[in-house]
């Protein structure tokens, strides 16, 4: 007590004196409110054989292949340092002392694995009341993952009967004493943590909308992002003039490549990603994602040729078709039915096919007519006596949406 007080006062004007509990050191791992594993931790020690010194016994223990430096292995090598010498001196020993056969000599006051301690799995024998105490401690502190250090003479009996208590709650507990205990059953404690972070059947990816084409990518991307923001979503948007998070520009410049996409996809606040995807980024580095939920190809025009072997519009179409190839099985590929090169991408597009066209009614192409007749989804502009109308075809049903001139961005249906 006096020695501990003198050491503590060197570091602070105030010294905290804690109640001392007699018993064995146990680590109780609580994950998401449930006790997952219990390990009894035993301080670093040697068992005498009546012939070898403590130093020699330590050297023999350190030959165990399970021991390594620090946390690199299942157990940590024991080091005979000043603390060990001081502890031995209290019992009238030195590192050169030869313990009697069967005599246990402890080398550390604490049972930490990092100082050479060992662990014995006690999960199956822990008393229900001790389990409840550990669970409640983690809940009171508010930790999803907690390591409860419980001192008790016998973990199989209630601490209320044997005495003891909690001496520490760890917010970042080590797992190796449970994964690979020195004795007892290994416990897969990582699985409950992953199940908590990624619950079964819960989406763990944000929806991705990728828009490509020759002309109109930026305008379309901005419109889609605007609609989603008004639906209450936090949108991450990449365009040819910057990256926007929830409407605020965070990066300026041409941000239509995979690096910019990764900025949006790694932002924890973003709920939906709307990515303008240009052919330059695809050719240089590919896509910034493996799959998308909506892929749209607006058109293929001979405006941007002559880069990395892309010399024809057919070459350009081949590059841009990648966006709809990676659409998920439950996603949607949106294609321009008025552009033959774009319409041809239906053969390898993923998910459900949705076509759009400026030529509805009597001007509707045979391909589009067949798509609609087969119950496919299409959005077309159709002339009516009241003006051009936007019409949705889906599942064989025709549903007028609105007049084209009522869309604010059309300026009274002037731009096409």
Foldseek 3Di string as FASTA:
>chain_A
DVVVVVVVCVPDVDDDDDDDWDAWKKKFKAAQLATQFIKTFDAAKFAAQQPAFQLVRLVVVCVPPQEDAFPPGLAHRADCDPQQQVQQVVVPHGSRDHDYGGDIDGRDPDRDRRNGMFIATDGVQADPQVRVQVSVVCVVVPANIKIWIWGFHDRNDHCVVGPTGTDDIDRDDDQSCQQPGPYDDRGPPVVSNVCVVPPPPDDPFAAEEEEEEDPDLQVVLVVVQVVVVVVVFFEWEAAQFAIDTSRHGDGGHGQQALVSQVVQRPDPRGRYYRGYHYLVRCVPPRHNDQAHQEYEYEEFDPPDADPPPRHDSLSVLVSSLVRQLRYDQQHEYEFEPVHVSRVVSVVRGHHAYEYEYAQDDPRDDPVVVVCLVVQGWYWYWDQDPVGTWIWIRGHNDIDTDGHPLPPVVCVRVPDD
